[in-house]
Protein backbone atom coordinates (compact mmCIF):
# COMPACT_ATOMS: atom_id res chain seq x y z
CA MET A 1 -83.41 41.91 108.94
CA PRO A 2 -85.50 43.37 105.93
CA ALA A 3 -89.01 43.17 106.30
CA HIS A 4 -89.53 41.01 103.23
CA GLU A 5 -87.40 38.30 105.10
CA PHE A 6 -89.02 35.85 107.75
CA THR A 7 -87.01 33.47 109.89
CA PHE A 8 -88.37 30.43 111.73
CA ARG A 9 -86.13 28.76 114.08
CA THR A 10 -85.71 26.55 116.99
CA THR A 11 -85.94 27.73 120.49
CA LYS A 12 -83.81 24.82 121.77
CA GLY A 13 -81.92 21.94 120.91
CA VAL A 14 -84.02 18.84 119.55
CA GLU A 15 -83.04 15.34 119.96
CA ILE A 16 -83.34 13.16 116.91
CA PRO A 17 -83.81 9.53 117.32
CA SER A 18 -81.84 7.23 114.81
CA GLY A 19 -83.60 5.81 111.96
CA ARG A 20 -86.65 8.05 112.07
CA LEU A 21 -87.85 10.98 110.09
CA THR A 22 -88.37 13.76 112.65
CA PRO A 23 -90.29 17.06 112.27
CA VAL A 24 -88.24 19.74 113.83
CA PRO A 25 -90.63 22.32 115.65
CA LEU A 26 -89.94 25.97 114.84
CA SER A 27 -91.08 29.51 116.36
CA ARG A 28 -93.12 31.95 114.64
CA PRO A 29 -91.23 34.89 113.04
CA GLU A 30 -90.88 38.15 115.00
CA PRO A 31 -92.04 40.58 113.75
CA ARG A 32 -95.49 38.76 112.79
CA THR A 33 -96.65 38.86 109.32
CA GLU A 34 -100.07 37.99 107.78
CA ASP A 35 -98.33 36.80 104.75
CA VAL A 36 -96.21 33.88 106.27
CA ASP A 37 -97.17 32.06 109.42
CA TYR A 38 -96.24 28.71 111.53
CA VAL A 39 -99.17 26.61 112.47
CA GLY A 40 -98.48 23.03 113.81
CA ASP A 41 -95.25 21.71 112.38
CA LEU A 42 -95.76 23.80 109.04
CA VAL A 43 -94.62 27.03 107.60
CA VAL A 44 -97.69 28.39 105.84
CA PHE A 45 -97.89 30.69 103.08
CA ARG A 46 -101.13 32.87 103.15
CA SER A 47 -100.51 34.87 100.08
CA GLU A 48 -99.34 34.20 96.53
CA GLY A 49 -95.63 35.05 96.20
CA TRP A 50 -92.20 34.03 94.83
CA TYR A 51 -89.85 32.89 97.84
CA GLU A 52 -86.15 31.93 98.31
CA ILE A 53 -86.20 29.40 101.09
CA LEU A 54 -82.95 28.86 103.16
CA LEU A 55 -82.49 25.89 105.37
CA GLU A 56 -80.10 25.62 108.12
CA VAL A 57 -79.66 22.73 110.53
CA ASP A 58 -76.79 22.71 113.08
CA TRP A 59 -75.95 18.99 113.98
CA ASP A 60 -73.79 18.06 116.88
CA PRO A 61 -70.36 17.82 115.14
CA GLU A 62 -69.12 15.67 118.17
CA ASN A 63 -71.18 12.67 116.98
CA ARG A 64 -69.45 11.56 113.43
CA GLN A 65 -71.37 8.43 113.08
CA GLY A 66 -73.77 7.81 110.08
CA THR A 67 -75.58 9.91 107.81
CA ARG A 68 -77.36 13.29 108.28
CA PHE A 69 -80.50 14.06 106.19
CA SER A 70 -82.44 17.23 106.03
CA HIS A 71 -85.21 18.20 103.79
CA THR A 72 -88.09 20.73 103.66
CA ALA A 73 -91.02 18.41 103.16
CA ILE A 74 -94.12 19.83 101.21
CA PRO A 75 -97.28 17.89 101.89
CA GLY A 76 -98.15 15.97 98.78
CA GLU A 77 -95.25 17.14 96.68
CA GLN A 78 -91.48 16.47 96.22
CA PRO A 79 -89.31 18.46 98.77
CA LEU A 80 -87.85 21.75 97.83
CA HIS A 81 -84.69 20.83 99.49
CA SER A 82 -82.99 17.52 100.31
CA GLU A 83 -79.58 16.50 101.24
CA ALA A 84 -78.10 13.51 102.83
CA VAL A 85 -74.43 13.43 103.74
CA SER A 86 -71.83 11.70 105.98
CA ALA A 87 -71.79 13.13 109.62
CA ALA A 88 -68.18 12.91 109.57
CA VAL A 89 -67.82 14.86 106.27
CA LEU A 90 -70.24 17.29 107.60
CA ALA A 91 -68.26 17.98 110.72
CA ASP A 92 -65.18 18.33 108.70
CA ILE A 93 -66.39 20.59 106.08
CA SER A 94 -68.85 22.97 108.17
CA GLU A 95 -68.69 21.72 111.71
CA GLY A 96 -72.01 20.09 111.37
CA LYS A 97 -74.11 22.77 109.51
CA GLN A 98 -76.26 21.81 106.52
CA LEU A 99 -77.10 24.93 104.57
CA LEU A 100 -79.39 24.59 101.67
CA ARG A 101 -81.11 27.08 99.41
CA GLY A 102 -84.04 26.89 96.80
CA ASN A 103 -87.04 29.16 95.52
CA THR A 104 -90.41 28.53 94.10
CA LEU A 105 -93.82 30.07 94.09
CA PHE A 106 -95.90 29.42 97.25
CA GLY A 107 -99.40 30.47 98.23
CA PRO A 108 -102.90 29.17 99.04
CA GLU A 109 -103.80 28.05 95.44
CA ARG A 110 -100.38 26.35 94.75
CA THR A 111 -97.58 25.11 97.21
CA ALA A 112 -99.10 26.36 100.57
CA SER A 113 -96.80 25.02 103.09
CA LEU A 114 -93.63 23.31 104.00
CA ALA A 115 -92.14 21.73 106.98
CA LEU A 116 -88.33 21.05 108.31
CA GLU A 117 -87.78 17.38 108.63
CA VAL A 118 -84.34 15.52 109.42
CA TRP A 119 -83.29 11.94 109.77
CA GLN A 120 -79.94 10.38 111.17
CA ASP A 121 -78.86 6.68 111.20
CA SER A 122 -75.96 7.09 113.95
CA GLY A 123 -77.46 4.22 116.14
CA ASP A 124 -78.04 6.68 118.90
CA VAL A 125 -79.74 10.00 119.74
CA VAL A 126 -78.14 13.13 118.09
CA GLU A 127 -78.80 16.66 118.72
CA VAL A 128 -79.81 19.43 116.34
CA ARG A 129 -78.25 22.29 118.31
CA ALA A 130 -80.29 24.72 116.26
CA ALA A 131 -82.23 25.00 112.76
CA ALA A 132 -84.02 27.55 110.95
CA ILE A 133 -86.05 28.16 107.76
CA THR A 134 -85.87 31.80 106.23
CA ALA A 135 -88.49 32.86 103.74
CA ARG A 136 -87.24 35.79 101.32
CA VAL A 137 -89.52 37.39 99.12
CA LEU A 138 -88.18 37.80 95.80
CA ALA A 139 -88.82 40.91 93.84
CA VAL A 140 -90.55 40.33 90.37
CA PRO A 141 -90.18 42.12 87.96
CA TRP A 142 -86.71 43.32 88.58
CA PRO A 143 -85.62 46.78 87.92
CA ALA A 144 -84.67 47.56 84.47
CA ALA A 145 -80.98 47.45 84.11
CA SER A 146 -79.05 50.47 83.01
CA PRO A 147 -77.87 50.51 79.58
CA ALA A 148 -74.01 49.90 79.35
CA PRO A 149 -71.90 52.72 78.73
CA ARG A 150 -70.82 53.10 75.04
CA ARG A 151 -67.27 52.55 74.24
CA ARG A 152 -65.28 55.09 72.58
CA PRO A 153 -62.82 53.71 69.76
């Protein structure tokens, strides 16, 4: 794993009740970093930066009832990711895995934190077998591109 990528993940399965938006507890990344941390239920950005955020939620594919919803909640703002999909379709297409990607600027003076929250409406408890948020630092500015070779007639 590159040093510019930090993954916060579940340490065990999480049971999600039907009809309740539920925060998913994640662990701190290893190795630790001063730039991004996990406090309470929030991934906290302590320095300014442009990050790509990868969200992964692995729902139990055996329970095919209802809808599965995942998002990265940003306190006081609209979510970065948000997806609701039929449990049966999710099980058929990706064996129950929701995979989302987005990017934005984070830091103490702007969007400072986010949380992983999920919801389902199967009428029963459904397990999230694993979940993760990966924060990947995006390099700016990009290296200058080499000029294209000239064609000879």
